[in-house]
Amino acid sequence: MKRGFVMLVAEDDGNDLALFRLMVAEAAKKTGLTIYLQATRDGEETIEYLSGAGKFADRYSHPFPDIIVLDLKMPRLSGLEVLKWIKNHHEYMIIPKIMLSGSGEESDIYKAYRLCVNTYFQKPNSLEEYRELIHHLISYWAHTKRSTVKHSAN
């Protein structure tokens, strides 16, 4: 059975974020799912979001994510550094983590999987391939069974 979810995307490029939002909205409409998309602009802000710190303390406005999509190269902290932080906070380990990066470097892919990313995608070059990728990503995770993170406020 398909179900909607909260997706946290960490993306520092405004154009890439706008395109991602558009593709998620299209996929949600096509699949009939409700996707509540939250966005952060760098790795440090992503950790603040996950921790419920500062401006992310209100979980009604900033619900805890069911899925995290990370860019690899971001300011302050990279996607790999966010994965490392998550790996050291066992209560967050069950959240599916997806790396969506412009990099197809073998060393980046290897590091991401060593840090427990669930899936690594290189950003496609064409708009149609990107649309298809996001549609499949949404459809796949909508069909999965996922445990709920027991998050306590700090």
N, C-alpha and C. Protein backbone atom coordinates (compact mmCIF):
# COMPACT_ATOMS: atom_id res chain seq x y z
N MET A 1 0.84 -1.18 0.00
CA MET A 1 0.00 0.00 0.00
C MET A 1 0.88 1.25 0.00
N LYS A 2 0.57 2.16 -0.85
CA LYS A 2 1.34 3.39 -0.94
C LYS A 2 0.90 4.36 0.15
N ARG A 3 1.88 5.13 0.64
CA ARG A 3 1.57 6.17 1.61
C ARG A 3 2.48 7.36 1.39
N GLY A 4 2.01 8.53 1.77
CA GLY A 4 2.82 9.73 1.65
C GLY A 4 3.85 9.81 2.74
N PHE A 5 4.67 10.85 2.68
CA PHE A 5 5.72 10.98 3.69
C PHE A 5 6.29 12.39 3.71
N VAL A 6 7.07 12.64 4.76
CA VAL A 6 7.82 13.89 4.90
C VAL A 6 9.22 13.62 4.36
N MET A 7 9.63 14.47 3.43
CA MET A 7 10.95 14.34 2.84
C MET A 7 11.76 15.59 3.16
N LEU A 8 12.94 15.38 3.72
CA LEU A 8 13.87 16.48 3.97
C LEU A 8 14.93 16.44 2.89
N VAL A 9 15.07 17.54 2.14
CA VAL A 9 16.10 17.63 1.12
C VAL A 9 17.11 18.69 1.54
N ALA A 10 18.39 18.33 1.47
CA ALA A 10 19.48 19.26 1.77
C ALA A 10 20.15 19.60 0.46
N GLU A 11 19.95 20.84 0.02
CA GLU A 11 20.47 21.28 -1.28
C GLU A 11 20.83 22.75 -1.20
N ASP A 12 22.09 23.07 -1.50
CA ASP A 12 22.54 24.45 -1.38
C ASP A 12 22.33 25.28 -2.64
N ASP A 13 22.12 24.66 -3.77
CA ASP A 13 21.93 25.38 -5.02
C ASP A 13 20.44 25.69 -5.21
N GLY A 14 20.10 26.96 -5.26
CA GLY A 14 18.71 27.38 -5.37
C GLY A 14 18.01 26.85 -6.62
N ASN A 15 18.72 26.82 -7.74
CA ASN A 15 18.13 26.29 -8.98
C ASN A 15 17.87 24.79 -8.88
N ASP A 16 18.83 24.05 -8.32
CA ASP A 16 18.65 22.61 -8.15
C ASP A 16 17.49 22.33 -7.19
N LEU A 17 17.37 23.14 -6.14
CA LEU A 17 16.28 22.96 -5.18
C LEU A 17 14.93 23.24 -5.85
N ALA A 18 14.84 24.29 -6.64
CA ALA A 18 13.59 24.61 -7.33
C ALA A 18 13.20 23.49 -8.29
N LEU A 19 14.17 22.95 -9.01
CA LEU A 19 13.90 21.83 -9.92
C LEU A 19 13.47 20.60 -9.14
N PHE A 20 14.13 20.31 -8.03
CA PHE A 20 13.76 19.17 -7.21
C PHE A 20 12.32 19.32 -6.70
N ARG A 21 11.98 20.51 -6.21
CA ARG A 21 10.61 20.76 -5.73
C ARG A 21 9.58 20.51 -6.85
N LEU A 22 9.88 21.00 -8.04
CA LEU A 22 8.98 20.81 -9.17
C LEU A 22 8.82 19.33 -9.51
N MET A 23 9.93 18.60 -9.55
CA MET A 23 9.88 17.18 -9.89
C MET A 23 9.13 16.37 -8.81
N VAL A 24 9.33 16.72 -7.55
CA VAL A 24 8.61 16.04 -6.47
C VAL A 24 7.11 16.33 -6.57
N ALA A 25 6.76 17.58 -6.84
CA ALA A 25 5.34 17.94 -6.99
C ALA A 25 4.70 17.17 -8.15
N GLU A 26 5.40 17.07 -9.27
CA GLU A 26 4.90 16.31 -10.41
C GLU A 26 4.72 14.83 -10.06
N ALA A 27 5.72 14.26 -9.39
CA ALA A 27 5.65 12.85 -9.02
C ALA A 27 4.53 12.60 -8.01
N ALA A 28 4.36 13.51 -7.06
CA ALA A 28 3.30 13.36 -6.07
C ALA A 28 1.93 13.40 -6.74
N LYS A 29 1.77 14.32 -7.68
CA LYS A 29 0.49 14.42 -8.39
C LYS A 29 0.23 13.16 -9.22
N LYS A 30 1.25 12.70 -9.90
CA LYS A 30 1.12 11.53 -10.76
C LYS A 30 0.80 10.27 -9.96
N THR A 31 1.37 10.16 -8.77
CA THR A 31 1.17 8.97 -7.95
C THR A 31 0.01 9.12 -6.97
N GLY A 32 -0.50 10.34 -6.83
CA GLY A 32 -1.60 10.57 -5.89
C GLY A 32 -1.16 10.59 -4.44
N LEU A 33 0.11 10.85 -4.21
CA LEU A 33 0.65 10.86 -2.86
C LEU A 33 0.76 12.27 -2.31
N THR A 34 0.74 12.37 -1.01
CA THR A 34 1.02 13.64 -0.35
C THR A 34 2.47 13.60 0.11
N ILE A 35 3.29 14.48 -0.44
CA ILE A 35 4.69 14.58 -0.05
C ILE A 35 4.86 15.95 0.61
N TYR A 36 5.23 15.94 1.87
CA TYR A 36 5.48 17.18 2.59
C TYR A 36 6.98 17.42 2.52
N LEU A 37 7.40 18.33 1.66
CA LEU A 37 8.82 18.56 1.39
C LEU A 37 9.36 19.70 2.26
N GLN A 38 10.42 19.40 3.00
CA GLN A 38 11.14 20.36 3.81
C GLN A 38 12.53 20.51 3.20
N ALA A 39 13.12 21.69 3.29
CA ALA A 39 14.44 21.91 2.68
C ALA A 39 15.38 22.62 3.64
N THR A 40 16.64 22.21 3.56
CA THR A 40 17.73 22.89 4.25
C THR A 40 18.77 23.24 3.21
N ARG A 41 19.62 24.24 3.52
CA ARG A 41 20.57 24.76 2.54
C ARG A 41 22.00 24.27 2.71
N ASP A 42 22.29 23.58 3.79
CA ASP A 42 23.64 23.05 4.00
C ASP A 42 23.59 21.95 5.05
N GLY A 43 24.74 21.29 5.25
CA GLY A 43 24.79 20.18 6.19
C GLY A 43 24.53 20.57 7.63
N GLU A 44 25.04 21.72 8.03
CA GLU A 44 24.84 22.16 9.41
C GLU A 44 23.35 22.42 9.69
N GLU A 45 22.69 23.05 8.75
CA GLU A 45 21.26 23.30 8.90
C GLU A 45 20.46 21.99 8.90
N THR A 46 20.92 21.01 8.15
CA THR A 46 20.27 19.69 8.13
C THR A 46 20.34 19.04 9.50
N ILE A 47 21.49 19.11 10.14
CA ILE A 47 21.65 18.55 11.49
C ILE A 47 20.78 19.32 12.48
N GLU A 48 20.69 20.63 12.34
CA GLU A 48 19.82 21.42 13.20
C GLU A 48 18.36 20.97 13.01
N TYR A 49 17.97 20.74 11.78
CA TYR A 49 16.61 20.28 11.49
C TYR A 49 16.36 18.93 12.18
N LEU A 50 17.26 17.98 11.96
CA LEU A 50 17.09 16.65 12.55
C LEU A 50 17.05 16.71 14.07
N SER A 51 17.85 17.59 14.66
CA SER A 51 17.91 17.75 16.11
C SER A 51 16.73 18.52 16.68
N GLY A 52 15.99 19.20 15.80
CA GLY A 52 14.90 20.05 16.28
C GLY A 52 15.43 21.28 16.99
N ALA A 53 16.56 21.79 16.54
CA ALA A 53 17.20 22.93 17.20
C ALA A 53 16.80 24.25 16.53
N GLY A 54 16.85 25.32 17.32
CA GLY A 54 16.63 26.67 16.81
C GLY A 54 15.32 26.82 16.09
N LYS A 55 15.38 27.32 14.85
CA LYS A 55 14.16 27.58 14.09
C LYS A 55 13.40 26.32 13.70
N PHE A 56 14.01 25.14 13.92
CA PHE A 56 13.37 23.87 13.58
C PHE A 56 12.73 23.18 14.80
N ALA A 57 12.64 23.89 15.92
CA ALA A 57 12.12 23.30 17.15
C ALA A 57 10.63 22.96 17.06
N ASP A 58 9.89 23.70 16.26
CA ASP A 58 8.45 23.46 16.12
C ASP A 58 8.23 22.30 15.16
N ARG A 59 7.93 21.12 15.69
CA ARG A 59 7.76 19.93 14.86
C ARG A 59 6.45 19.95 14.07
N TYR A 60 5.55 20.83 14.39
CA TYR A 60 4.35 20.97 13.57
C TYR A 60 4.73 21.63 12.24
N SER A 61 5.53 22.68 12.29
CA SER A 61 5.99 23.37 11.08
C SER A 61 7.13 22.64 10.39
N HIS A 62 7.93 21.93 11.17
CA HIS A 62 9.10 21.22 10.65
C HIS A 62 9.05 19.77 11.13
N PRO A 63 8.12 18.99 10.56
CA PRO A 63 7.96 17.60 11.03
C PRO A 63 9.21 16.76 10.79
N PHE A 64 9.36 15.77 11.63
CA PHE A 64 10.50 14.87 11.51
C PHE A 64 10.40 14.11 10.19
N PRO A 65 11.50 14.02 9.45
CA PRO A 65 11.44 13.41 8.12
C PRO A 65 11.35 11.89 8.14
N ASP A 66 10.65 11.37 7.14
CA ASP A 66 10.60 9.93 6.90
C ASP A 66 11.75 9.52 6.00
N ILE A 67 12.23 10.46 5.18
CA ILE A 67 13.29 10.22 4.20
C ILE A 67 14.16 11.47 4.11
N ILE A 68 15.47 11.26 3.95
CA ILE A 68 16.40 12.38 3.80
C ILE A 68 17.09 12.26 2.45
N VAL A 69 17.09 13.35 1.69
CA VAL A 69 17.81 13.41 0.42
C VAL A 69 18.91 14.46 0.59
N LEU A 70 20.15 14.02 0.39
CA LEU A 70 21.31 14.89 0.62
C LEU A 70 22.07 15.18 -0.66
N ASP A 71 22.51 16.41 -0.78
CA ASP A 71 23.50 16.77 -1.79
C ASP A 71 24.86 16.42 -1.19
N LEU A 72 25.82 16.10 -2.00
CA LEU A 72 27.14 15.73 -1.49
C LEU A 72 27.94 16.97 -1.06
N LYS A 73 28.05 17.92 -1.97
CA LYS A 73 28.92 19.07 -1.74
C LYS A 73 28.08 20.29 -1.36
N MET A 74 28.12 20.62 -0.08
CA MET A 74 27.38 21.77 0.46
C MET A 74 28.31 22.56 1.36
N PRO A 75 27.98 23.83 1.59
CA PRO A 75 28.80 24.64 2.50
C PRO A 75 28.63 24.19 3.95
N ARG A 76 29.52 24.64 4.77
CA ARG A 76 29.59 24.37 6.21
C ARG A 76 29.82 22.89 6.49
N LEU A 77 28.87 22.03 6.20
CA LEU A 77 29.07 20.58 6.34
C LEU A 77 28.57 19.90 5.08
N SER A 78 29.32 18.93 4.59
CA SER A 78 28.95 18.21 3.37
C SER A 78 27.90 17.14 3.67
N GLY A 79 27.36 16.57 2.61
CA GLY A 79 26.44 15.44 2.77
C GLY A 79 27.10 14.27 3.48
N LEU A 80 28.39 14.04 3.22
CA LEU A 80 29.11 12.96 3.89
C LEU A 80 29.22 13.23 5.40
N GLU A 81 29.44 14.50 5.75
CA GLU A 81 29.53 14.84 7.18
C GLU A 81 28.18 14.68 7.87
N VAL A 82 27.09 14.95 7.16
CA VAL A 82 25.76 14.70 7.72
C VAL A 82 25.55 13.21 7.92
N LEU A 83 25.95 12.40 6.94
CA LEU A 83 25.84 10.94 7.10
C LEU A 83 26.64 10.45 8.30
N LYS A 84 27.83 11.00 8.48
CA LYS A 84 28.67 10.62 9.63
C LYS A 84 27.97 10.99 10.94
N TRP A 85 27.37 12.17 11.00
CA TRP A 85 26.64 12.60 12.21
C TRP A 85 25.48 11.66 12.47
N ILE A 86 24.73 11.32 11.42
CA ILE A 86 23.59 10.40 11.59
C ILE A 86 24.07 9.04 12.08
N LYS A 87 25.16 8.57 11.52
CA LYS A 87 25.70 7.26 11.93
C LYS A 87 26.08 7.25 13.41
N ASN A 88 26.49 8.40 13.93
CA ASN A 88 26.86 8.50 15.35
C ASN A 88 25.67 8.79 16.25
N HIS A 89 24.50 8.95 15.69
CA HIS A 89 23.26 9.17 16.45
C HIS A 89 22.30 8.04 16.07
N HIS A 90 22.43 6.94 16.78
CA HIS A 90 21.77 5.69 16.42
C HIS A 90 20.26 5.81 16.28
N GLU A 91 19.64 6.75 16.98
CA GLU A 91 18.20 6.90 16.89
C GLU A 91 17.76 7.34 15.49
N TYR A 92 18.68 7.89 14.70
CA TYR A 92 18.36 8.37 13.35
C TYR A 92 18.78 7.39 12.26
N MET A 93 19.45 6.32 12.63
CA MET A 93 20.00 5.39 11.64
C MET A 93 18.92 4.74 10.77
N ILE A 94 17.71 4.60 11.29
CA ILE A 94 16.68 3.90 10.52
C ILE A 94 16.04 4.76 9.44
N ILE A 95 16.33 6.06 9.43
CA ILE A 95 15.77 6.93 8.40
C ILE A 95 16.47 6.64 7.07
N PRO A 96 15.71 6.37 6.02
CA PRO A 96 16.35 6.18 4.72
C PRO A 96 17.07 7.45 4.28
N LYS A 97 18.32 7.26 3.82
CA LYS A 97 19.17 8.36 3.40
C LYS A 97 19.55 8.16 1.94
N ILE A 98 19.27 9.18 1.13
CA ILE A 98 19.53 9.12 -0.30
C ILE A 98 20.49 10.23 -0.66
N MET A 99 21.56 9.88 -1.34
CA MET A 99 22.49 10.88 -1.83
C MET A 99 22.14 11.17 -3.28
N LEU A 100 21.91 12.44 -3.59
CA LEU A 100 21.62 12.89 -4.95
C LEU A 100 22.66 13.94 -5.28
N SER A 101 23.66 13.55 -6.05
CA SER A 101 24.84 14.39 -6.24
C SER A 101 25.22 14.53 -7.70
N GLY A 102 25.86 15.62 -8.00
CA GLY A 102 26.44 15.80 -9.32
C GLY A 102 27.68 14.94 -9.51
N SER A 103 28.25 14.48 -8.41
CA SER A 103 29.48 13.69 -8.46
C SER A 103 29.19 12.21 -8.72
N GLY A 104 29.92 11.68 -9.67
CA GLY A 104 29.89 10.24 -9.92
C GLY A 104 31.22 9.60 -9.59
N GLU A 105 32.04 10.34 -8.80
CA GLU A 105 33.37 9.85 -8.42
C GLU A 105 33.25 8.61 -7.55
N GLU A 106 34.00 7.58 -7.91
CA GLU A 106 33.96 6.33 -7.17
C GLU A 106 34.28 6.54 -5.69
N SER A 107 35.21 7.42 -5.37
CA SER A 107 35.57 7.65 -3.97
C SER A 107 34.41 8.28 -3.19
N ASP A 108 33.64 9.16 -3.81
CA ASP A 108 32.48 9.76 -3.15
C ASP A 108 31.39 8.71 -2.91
N ILE A 109 31.16 7.88 -3.92
CA ILE A 109 30.15 6.82 -3.80
C ILE A 109 30.54 5.85 -2.69
N TYR A 110 31.81 5.43 -2.68
CA TYR A 110 32.31 4.50 -1.67
C TYR A 110 32.15 5.08 -0.26
N LYS A 111 32.54 6.34 -0.08
CA LYS A 111 32.43 6.99 1.24
C LYS A 111 30.98 7.07 1.69
N ALA A 112 30.09 7.40 0.78
CA ALA A 112 28.67 7.51 1.14
C ALA A 112 28.11 6.18 1.62
N TYR A 113 28.42 5.11 0.91
CA TYR A 113 27.92 3.79 1.33
C TYR A 113 28.58 3.33 2.63
N ARG A 114 29.84 3.66 2.82
CA ARG A 114 30.51 3.33 4.10
C ARG A 114 29.83 4.04 5.27
N LEU A 115 29.23 5.20 4.98
CA LEU A 115 28.54 5.97 6.02
C LEU A 115 27.04 5.67 6.05
N CYS A 116 26.67 4.55 5.45
CA CYS A 116 25.31 3.99 5.54
C CYS A 116 24.25 4.73 4.73
N VAL A 117 24.63 5.37 3.62
CA VAL A 117 23.60 5.90 2.73
C VAL A 117 22.85 4.68 2.17
N ASN A 118 21.56 4.81 1.96
CA ASN A 118 20.78 3.70 1.42
C ASN A 118 20.89 3.61 -0.09
N THR A 119 20.96 4.76 -0.74
CA THR A 119 21.03 4.82 -2.20
C THR A 119 21.82 6.05 -2.61
N TYR A 120 22.60 5.90 -3.67
CA TYR A 120 23.38 7.01 -4.22
C TYR A 120 22.99 7.18 -5.68
N PHE A 121 22.48 8.36 -6.02
CA PHE A 121 22.15 8.69 -7.40
C PHE A 121 23.02 9.85 -7.87
N GLN A 122 23.52 9.74 -9.09
CA GLN A 122 24.15 10.89 -9.72
C GLN A 122 23.05 11.66 -10.44
N LYS A 123 23.06 12.99 -10.28
CA LYS A 123 22.04 13.81 -10.93
C LYS A 123 22.12 13.62 -12.44
N PRO A 124 21.00 13.28 -13.05
CA PRO A 124 21.00 13.08 -14.51
C PRO A 124 21.25 14.39 -15.26
N ASN A 125 21.67 14.24 -16.51
CA ASN A 125 21.95 15.40 -17.35
C ASN A 125 20.71 15.96 -18.02
N SER A 126 19.73 15.12 -18.28
CA SER A 126 18.54 15.60 -18.98
C SER A 126 17.37 15.77 -18.02
N LEU A 127 16.50 16.68 -18.37
CA LEU A 127 15.31 16.95 -17.56
C LEU A 127 14.41 15.72 -17.50
N GLU A 128 14.26 15.03 -18.60
CA GLU A 128 13.39 13.85 -18.63
C GLU A 128 13.95 12.73 -17.74
N GLU A 129 15.26 12.52 -17.77
CA GLU A 129 15.87 11.51 -16.90
C GLU A 129 15.71 11.89 -15.43
N TYR A 130 15.84 13.17 -15.13
CA TYR A 130 15.67 13.65 -13.76
C TYR A 130 14.23 13.43 -13.29
N ARG A 131 13.28 13.76 -14.16
CA ARG A 131 11.86 13.55 -13.85
C ARG A 131 11.59 12.08 -13.56
N GLU A 132 12.12 11.21 -14.38
CA GLU A 132 11.93 9.77 -14.21
C GLU A 132 12.57 9.28 -12.90
N LEU A 133 13.77 9.76 -12.62
CA LEU A 133 14.45 9.37 -11.39
C LEU A 133 13.64 9.76 -10.15
N ILE A 134 13.17 10.99 -10.10
CA ILE A 134 12.41 11.45 -8.94
C ILE A 134 11.09 10.69 -8.84
N HIS A 135 10.45 10.43 -9.97
CA HIS A 135 9.21 9.65 -9.94
C HIS A 135 9.45 8.25 -9.35
N HIS A 136 10.51 7.59 -9.80
CA HIS A 136 10.82 6.26 -9.28
C HIS A 136 11.19 6.32 -7.79
N LEU A 137 11.94 7.32 -7.42
CA LEU A 137 12.33 7.49 -6.01
C LEU A 137 11.07 7.63 -5.13
N ILE A 138 10.15 8.50 -5.54
CA ILE A 138 8.91 8.70 -4.78
C ILE A 138 8.09 7.42 -4.74
N SER A 139 7.91 6.79 -5.88
CA SER A 139 7.11 5.57 -5.95
C SER A 139 7.70 4.45 -5.09
N TYR A 140 9.00 4.29 -5.18
CA TYR A 140 9.66 3.23 -4.41
C TYR A 140 9.46 3.42 -2.91
N TRP A 141 9.80 4.61 -2.40
CA TRP A 141 9.73 4.83 -0.96
C TRP A 141 8.30 4.88 -0.46
N ALA A 142 7.35 5.19 -1.33
CA ALA A 142 5.95 5.18 -0.93
C ALA A 142 5.45 3.76 -0.68
N HIS A 143 6.08 2.78 -1.30
CA HIS A 143 5.67 1.39 -1.14
C HIS A 143 6.40 0.67 0.00
N THR A 144 7.40 1.28 0.58
CA THR A 144 8.19 0.60 1.60
C THR A 144 7.56 0.70 2.97
N LYS A 145 7.89 -0.24 3.80
CA LYS A 145 7.55 -0.19 5.22
C LYS A 145 8.74 0.41 5.93
N ARG A 146 8.48 1.41 6.75
CA ARG A 146 9.55 2.08 7.48
C ARG A 146 9.15 2.21 8.93
N SER A 147 10.10 2.01 9.80
CA SER A 147 9.87 2.18 11.23
C SER A 147 9.83 3.67 11.54
N THR A 148 9.07 4.04 12.56
CA THR A 148 8.98 5.43 12.98
C THR A 148 10.10 5.75 13.96
N VAL A 149 10.75 6.87 13.74
CA VAL A 149 11.81 7.32 14.63
C VAL A 149 11.17 7.86 15.90
N LYS A 150 11.64 7.38 17.02
CA LYS A 150 11.18 7.88 18.31
C LYS A 150 12.06 9.05 18.68
N HIS A 151 11.63 10.25 18.30
CA HIS A 151 12.44 11.46 18.52
C HIS A 151 11.94 12.21 19.72
N SER A 152 12.84 12.50 20.62
CA SER A 152 12.47 13.31 21.77
C SER A 152 13.06 14.69 21.61
N ALA A 153 12.31 15.69 22.05
CA ALA A 153 12.78 17.08 21.94
C ALA A 153 13.98 17.28 22.84
N ASN A 154 14.90 18.13 22.40
CA ASN A 154 16.10 18.44 23.20
C ASN A 154 15.78 19.42 24.29
